[in-house]
Amino acid sequence: MARALVEGLTKAGPNPSAAKLRRALDSTTLDLGGYRLAFTAKNHSGSGFVDVAVLDTDGRMVR
């Protein structure tokens, strides 16, 4: 998501504001190595992908 924020701030131009950032992201599509983010004026979620991870007591992922 950091890359999406950087892209939005870049598109928002100098002196970005929350409104400029939102407008810039409203037309942003990013491919992050197969993970696609797409923002529109009506959909600000970016992605519908959901994953579940289970961690053991040592913080390692369990499969």
PDB file of N, CA and C in Angstrom:
ATOM      1  N   MET A   1       0.815  -1.197   0.000  1.00  0.00           N
ATOM      2  CA  MET A   1       0.000   0.000   0.000  1.00  0.00           C
ATOM      3  C   MET A   1       0.855   1.255   0.000  1.00  0.00           C
ATOM      4  N   ALA A   2       2.076   1.151   0.477  1.00  0.00           N
ATOM      5  CA  ALA A   2       2.948   2.329   0.466  1.00  0.00           C
ATOM      6  C   ALA A   2       3.176   2.810  -0.964  1.00  0.00           C
ATOM      7  N   ARG A   3       3.318   1.866  -1.890  1.00  0.00           N
ATOM      8  CA  ARG A   3       3.533   2.255  -3.288  1.00  0.00           C
ATOM      9  C   ARG A   3       2.324   3.010  -3.830  1.00  0.00           C
ATOM     10  N   ALA A   4       1.125   2.618  -3.427  1.00  0.00           N
ATOM     11  CA  ALA A   4      -0.086   3.325  -3.854  1.00  0.00           C
ATOM     12  C   ALA A   4      -0.095   4.741  -3.290  1.00  0.00           C
ATOM     13  N   LEU A   5       0.326   4.895  -2.053  1.00  0.00           N
ATOM     14  CA  LEU A   5       0.385   6.225  -1.441  1.00  0.00           C
ATOM     15  C   LEU A   5       1.391   7.104  -2.174  1.00  0.00           C
ATOM     16  N   VAL A   6       2.568   6.563  -2.476  1.00  0.00           N
ATOM     17  CA  VAL A   6       3.584   7.329  -3.210  1.00  0.00           C
ATOM     18  C   VAL A   6       3.056   7.721  -4.585  1.00  0.00           C
ATOM     19  N   GLU A   7       2.405   6.797  -5.272  1.00  0.00           N
ATOM     20  CA  GLU A   7       1.833   7.090  -6.587  1.00  0.00           C
ATOM     21  C   GLU A   7       0.795   8.206  -6.486  1.00  0.00           C
ATOM     22  N   GLY A   8      -0.075   8.124  -5.484  1.00  0.00           N
ATOM     23  CA  GLY A   8      -1.096   9.151  -5.294  1.00  0.00           C
ATOM     24  C   GLY A   8      -0.499  10.509  -4.976  1.00  0.00           C
ATOM     25  N   LEU A   9       0.513  10.530  -4.119  1.00  0.00           N
ATOM     26  CA  LEU A   9       1.156  11.796  -3.773  1.00  0.00           C
ATOM     27  C   LEU A   9       1.873  12.395  -4.980  1.00  0.00           C
ATOM     28  N   THR A  10       2.482  11.548  -5.786  1.00  0.00           N
ATOM     29  CA  THR A  10       3.150  12.026  -6.999  1.00  0.00           C
ATOM     30  C   THR A  10       2.133  12.638  -7.959  1.00  0.00           C
ATOM     31  N   LYS A  11       1.010  11.950  -8.161  1.00  0.00           N
ATOM     32  CA  LYS A  11      -0.028  12.453  -9.065  1.00  0.00           C
ATOM     33  C   LYS A  11      -0.721  13.697  -8.509  1.00  0.00           C
ATOM     34  N   ALA A  12      -0.754  13.835  -7.177  1.00  0.00           N
ATOM     35  CA  ALA A  12      -1.408  14.989  -6.555  1.00  0.00           C
ATOM     36  C   ALA A  12      -0.611  16.270  -6.773  1.00  0.00           C
ATOM     37  N   GLY A  13       0.673  16.146  -7.094  1.00  0.00           N
ATOM     38  CA  GLY A  13       1.495  17.313  -7.395  1.00  0.00           C
ATOM     39  C   GLY A  13       2.042  17.985  -6.145  1.00  0.00           C
ATOM     40  N   PRO A  14       2.670  19.150  -6.363  1.00  0.00           N
ATOM     41  CA  PRO A  14       3.243  19.870  -5.215  1.00  0.00           C
ATOM     42  C   PRO A  14       2.128  20.358  -4.290  1.00  0.00           C
ATOM     43  N   ASN A  15       2.425  20.466  -3.041  1.00  0.00           N
ATOM     44  CA  ASN A  15       1.451  20.898  -2.026  1.00  0.00           C
ATOM     45  C   ASN A  15       0.216  20.006  -2.001  1.00  0.00           C
ATOM     46  N   PRO A  16       0.388  18.692  -1.849  1.00  0.00           N
ATOM     47  CA  PRO A  16      -0.778  17.801  -1.842  1.00  0.00           C
ATOM     48  C   PRO A  16      -1.650  18.031  -0.611  1.00  0.00           C
ATOM     49  N   SER A  17      -2.928  17.846  -0.796  1.00  0.00           N
ATOM     50  CA  SER A  17      -3.890  17.899   0.304  1.00  0.00           C
ATOM     51  C   SER A  17      -4.649  16.576   0.300  1.00  0.00           C
ATOM     52  N   ALA A  18      -5.455  16.352   1.303  1.00  0.00           N
ATOM     53  CA  ALA A  18      -6.249  15.121   1.350  1.00  0.00           C
ATOM     54  C   ALA A  18      -7.169  15.040   0.127  1.00  0.00           C
ATOM     55  N   ALA A  19      -7.775  16.157  -0.250  1.00  0.00           N
ATOM     56  CA  ALA A  19      -8.684  16.176  -1.405  1.00  0.00           C
ATOM     57  C   ALA A  19      -7.922  15.891  -2.703  1.00  0.00           C
ATOM     58  N   LYS A  20      -6.732  16.482  -2.867  1.00  0.00           N
ATOM     59  CA  LYS A  20      -5.931  16.234  -4.074  1.00  0.00           C
ATOM     60  C   LYS A  20      -5.478  14.780  -4.136  1.00  0.00           C
ATOM     61  N   LEU A  21      -5.101  14.228  -2.985  1.00  0.00           N
ATOM     62  CA  LEU A  21      -4.672  12.828  -2.936  1.00  0.00           C
ATOM     63  C   LEU A  21      -5.827  11.916  -3.320  1.00  0.00           C
ATOM     64  N   ARG A  22      -7.010  12.167  -2.779  1.00  0.00           N
ATOM     65  CA  ARG A  22      -8.174  11.353  -3.114  1.00  0.00           C
ATOM     66  C   ARG A  22      -8.488  11.421  -4.604  1.00  0.00           C
ATOM     67  N   ARG A  23      -8.470  12.614  -5.182  1.00  0.00           N
ATOM     68  CA  ARG A  23      -8.737  12.760  -6.618  1.00  0.00           C
ATOM     69  C   ARG A  23      -7.667  12.050  -7.446  1.00  0.00           C
ATOM     70  N   ALA A  24      -6.425  12.126  -7.020  1.00  0.00           N
ATOM     71  CA  ALA A  24      -5.340  11.455  -7.748  1.00  0.00           C
ATOM     72  C   ALA A  24      -5.511   9.940  -7.696  1.00  0.00           C
ATOM     73  N   LEU A  25      -5.898   9.407  -6.551  1.00  0.00           N
ATOM     74  CA  LEU A  25      -6.072   7.962  -6.408  1.00  0.00           C
ATOM     75  C   LEU A  25      -7.333   7.469  -7.112  1.00  0.00           C
ATOM     76  N   ASP A  26      -8.303   8.354  -7.327  1.00  0.00           N
ATOM     77  CA  ASP A  26      -9.558   7.954  -7.966  1.00  0.00           C
ATOM     78  C   ASP A  26      -9.373   7.398  -9.374  1.00  0.00           C
ATOM     79  N   SER A  27      -8.209   7.591  -9.956  1.00  0.00           N
ATOM     80  CA  SER A  27      -7.964   7.084 -11.311  1.00  0.00           C
ATOM     81  C   SER A  27      -6.653   6.293 -11.368  1.00  0.00           C
ATOM     82  N   THR A  28      -6.310   5.635 -10.268  1.00  0.00           N
ATOM     83  CA  THR A  28      -5.029   4.938 -10.189  1.00  0.00           C
ATOM     84  C   THR A  28      -5.218   3.429 -10.240  1.00  0.00           C
ATOM     85  N   THR A  29      -4.436   2.777 -11.096  1.00  0.00           N
ATOM     86  CA  THR A  29      -4.372   1.327 -11.153  1.00  0.00           C
ATOM     87  C   THR A  29      -2.899   0.936 -11.079  1.00  0.00           C
ATOM     88  N   LEU A  30      -2.572   0.029 -10.186  1.00  0.00           N
ATOM     89  CA  LEU A  30      -1.187  -0.424 -10.014  1.00  0.00           C
ATOM     90  C   LEU A  30      -1.121  -1.938 -10.069  1.00  0.00           C
ATOM     91  N   ASP A  31      -0.091  -2.448 -10.697  1.00  0.00           N
ATOM     92  CA  ASP A  31       0.192  -3.882 -10.673  1.00  0.00           C
ATOM     93  C   ASP A  31       1.461  -4.058  -9.858  1.00  0.00           C
ATOM     94  N   LEU A  32       1.324  -4.661  -8.705  1.00  0.00           N
ATOM     95  CA  LEU A  32       2.451  -4.852  -7.795  1.00  0.00           C
ATOM     96  C   LEU A  32       2.958  -6.280  -7.904  1.00  0.00           C
ATOM     97  N   GLY A  33       3.407  -6.646  -9.083  1.00  0.00           N
ATOM     98  CA  GLY A  33       3.929  -7.995  -9.289  1.00  0.00           C
ATOM     99  C   GLY A  33       2.856  -9.065  -9.241  1.00  0.00           C
ATOM    100  N   GLY A  34       1.698  -8.795  -9.842  1.00  0.00           N
ATOM    101  CA  GLY A  34       0.605  -9.754  -9.851  1.00  0.00           C
ATOM    102  C   GLY A  34      -0.506  -9.417  -8.867  1.00  0.00           C
ATOM    103  N   TYR A  35      -0.234  -8.547  -7.926  1.00  0.00           N
ATOM    104  CA  TYR A  35      -1.252  -8.071  -6.988  1.00  0.00           C
ATOM    105  C   TYR A  35      -1.716  -6.716  -7.513  1.00  0.00           C
ATOM    106  N   ARG A  36      -2.962  -6.653  -7.978  1.00  0.00           N
ATOM    107  CA  ARG A  36      -3.467  -5.457  -8.648  1.00  0.00           C
ATOM    108  C   ARG A  36      -4.287  -4.596  -7.700  1.00  0.00           C
ATOM    109  N   LEU A  37      -3.995  -3.308  -7.699  1.00  0.00           N
ATOM    110  CA  LEU A  37      -4.774  -2.325  -6.964  1.00  0.00           C
ATOM    111  C   LEU A  37      -5.431  -1.396  -7.970  1.00  0.00           C
ATOM    112  N   ALA A  38      -6.716  -1.142  -7.799  1.00  0.00           N
ATOM    113  CA  ALA A  38      -7.432  -0.231  -8.681  1.00  0.00           C
ATOM    114  C   ALA A  38      -8.369   0.627  -7.839  1.00  0.00           C
ATOM    115  N   PHE A  39      -8.218   1.924  -7.951  1.00  0.00           N
ATOM    116  CA  PHE A  39      -9.055   2.871  -7.228  1.00  0.00           C
ATOM    117  C   PHE A  39      -9.897   3.651  -8.215  1.00  0.00           C
ATOM    118  N   THR A  40     -11.154   3.870  -7.887  1.00  0.00           N
ATOM    119  CA  THR A  40     -12.041   4.698  -8.699  1.00  0.00           C
ATOM    120  C   THR A  40     -12.776   5.655  -7.771  1.00  0.00           C
ATOM    121  N   ALA A  41     -13.523   6.558  -8.362  1.00  0.00           N
ATOM    122  CA  ALA A  41     -14.292   7.521  -7.565  1.00  0.00           C
ATOM    123  C   ALA A  41     -15.332   6.818  -6.692  1.00  0.00           C
ATOM    124  N   LYS A  42     -15.793   5.653  -7.122  1.00  0.00           N
ATOM    125  CA  LYS A  42     -16.825   4.931  -6.365  1.00  0.00           C
ATOM    126  C   LYS A  42     -16.278   3.763  -5.554  1.00  0.00           C
ATOM    127  N   ASN A  43     -15.018   3.405  -5.749  1.00  0.00           N
ATOM    128  CA  ASN A  43     -14.432   2.266  -5.035  1.00  0.00           C
ATOM    129  C   ASN A  43     -13.051   2.647  -4.521  1.00  0.00           C
ATOM    130  N   HIS A  44     -12.953   2.867  -3.224  1.00  0.00           N
ATOM    131  CA  HIS A  44     -11.701   3.273  -2.609  1.00  0.00           C
ATOM    132  C   HIS A  44     -10.992   2.119  -1.898  1.00  0.00           C
ATOM    133  N   SER A  45     -11.485   0.900  -2.055  1.00  0.00           N
ATOM    134  CA  SER A  45     -10.864  -0.224  -1.343  1.00  0.00           C
ATOM    135  C   SER A  45      -9.554  -0.678  -1.984  1.00  0.00           C
ATOM    136  N   GLY A  46      -9.390  -0.481  -3.268  1.00  0.00           N
ATOM    137  CA  GLY A  46      -8.150  -0.860  -3.936  1.00  0.00           C
ATOM    138  C   GLY A  46      -8.122  -2.299  -4.392  1.00  0.00           C
ATOM    139  N   SER A  47      -8.554  -3.208  -3.532  1.00  0.00           N
ATOM    140  CA  SER A  47      -8.515  -4.631  -3.866  1.00  0.00           C
ATOM    141  C   SER A  47      -9.548  -5.372  -3.024  1.00  0.00           C
ATOM    142  N   GLY A  48     -10.054  -6.449  -3.576  1.00  0.00           N
ATOM    143  CA  GLY A  48     -10.982  -7.299  -2.834  1.00  0.00           C
ATOM    144  C   GLY A  48     -10.303  -8.544  -2.291  1.00  0.00           C
ATOM    145  N   PHE A  49      -8.970  -8.638  -2.472  1.00  0.00           N
ATOM    146  CA  PHE A  49      -8.227  -9.819  -2.040  1.00  0.00           C
ATOM    147  C   PHE A  49      -8.183  -9.904  -0.520  1.00  0.00           C
ATOM    148  N   VAL A  50      -8.456 -11.110  -0.010  1.00  0.00           N
ATOM    149  CA  VAL A  50      -8.375 -11.375   1.428  1.00  0.00           C
ATOM    150  C   VAL A  50      -7.608 -12.669   1.617  1.00  0.00           C
ATOM    151  N   ASP A  51      -6.723 -12.685   2.580  1.00  0.00           N
ATOM    152  CA  ASP A  51      -5.968 -13.894   2.891  1.00  0.00           C
ATOM    153  C   ASP A  51      -5.961 -14.063   4.403  1.00  0.00           C
ATOM    154  N   VAL A  52      -5.853 -15.296   4.839  1.00  0.00           N
ATOM    155  CA  VAL A  52      -5.818 -15.594   6.267  1.00  0.00           C
ATOM    156  C   VAL A  52      -4.494 -16.271   6.573  1.00  0.00           C
ATOM    157  N   ALA A  53      -3.869 -15.829   7.637  1.00  0.00           N
ATOM    158  CA  ALA A  53      -2.624 -16.453   8.080  1.00  0.00           C
ATOM    159  C   ALA A  53      -2.782 -16.862   9.533  1.00  0.00           C
ATOM    160  N   VAL A  54      -2.240 -18.014   9.872  1.00  0.00           N
ATOM    161  CA  VAL A  54      -2.259 -18.499  11.241  1.00  0.00           C
ATOM    162  C   VAL A  54      -0.816 -18.511  11.736  1.00  0.00           C
ATOM    163  N   LEU A  55      -0.582 -17.901  12.882  1.00  0.00           N
ATOM    164  CA  LEU A  55       0.761 -17.834  13.455  1.00  0.00           C
ATOM    165  C   LEU A  55       0.842 -18.728  14.682  1.00  0.00           C
ATOM    166  N   ASP A  56       2.006 -19.378  14.863  1.00  0.00           N
ATOM    167  CA  ASP A  56       2.189 -20.170  16.079  1.00  0.00           C
ATOM    168  C   ASP A  56       2.641 -19.230  17.197  1.00  0.00           C
ATOM    169  N   THR A  57       2.920 -19.785  18.364  1.00  0.00           N
ATOM    170  CA  THR A  57       3.273 -18.964  19.524  1.00  0.00           C
ATOM    171  C   THR A  57       4.594 -18.232  19.351  1.00  0.00           C
ATOM    172  N   ASP A  58       5.429 -18.680  18.411  1.00  0.00           N
ATOM    173  CA  ASP A  58       6.696 -18.000  18.126  1.00  0.00           C
ATOM    174  C   ASP A  58       6.554 -16.977  17.008  1.00  0.00           C
ATOM    175  N   GLY A  59       5.345 -16.785  16.483  1.00  0.00           N
ATOM    176  CA  GLY A  59       5.105 -15.810  15.452  1.00  0.00           C
ATOM    177  C   GLY A  59       5.398 -16.314  14.044  1.00  0.00           C
ATOM    178  N   ARG A  60       5.616 -17.625  13.893  1.00  0.00           N
ATOM    179  CA  ARG A  60       5.850 -18.197  12.571  1.00  0.00           C
ATOM    180  C   ARG A  60       4.545 -18.611  11.936  1.00  0.00           C
ATOM    181  N   MET A  61       4.483 -18.478  10.605  1.00  0.00           N
ATOM    182  CA  MET A  61       3.271 -18.829   9.892  1.00  0.00           C
ATOM    183  C   MET A  61       3.108 -20.353   9.850  1.00  0.00           C
ATOM    184  N   VAL A  62       1.896 -20.799  10.134  1.00  0.00           N
ATOM    185  CA  VAL A  62       1.558 -22.232  10.134  1.00  0.00           C
ATOM    186  C   VAL A  62       0.719 -22.507   8.897  1.00  0.00           C
ATOM    187  N   ARG A  63       1.018 -23.584   8.199  1.00  0.00           N
ATOM    188  CA  ARG A  63       0.220 -23.947   7.010  1.00  0.00           C
ATOM    189  C   ARG A  63      -0.607 -25.154   7.296  1.00  0.00           C
TER     190      ARG A  63
END
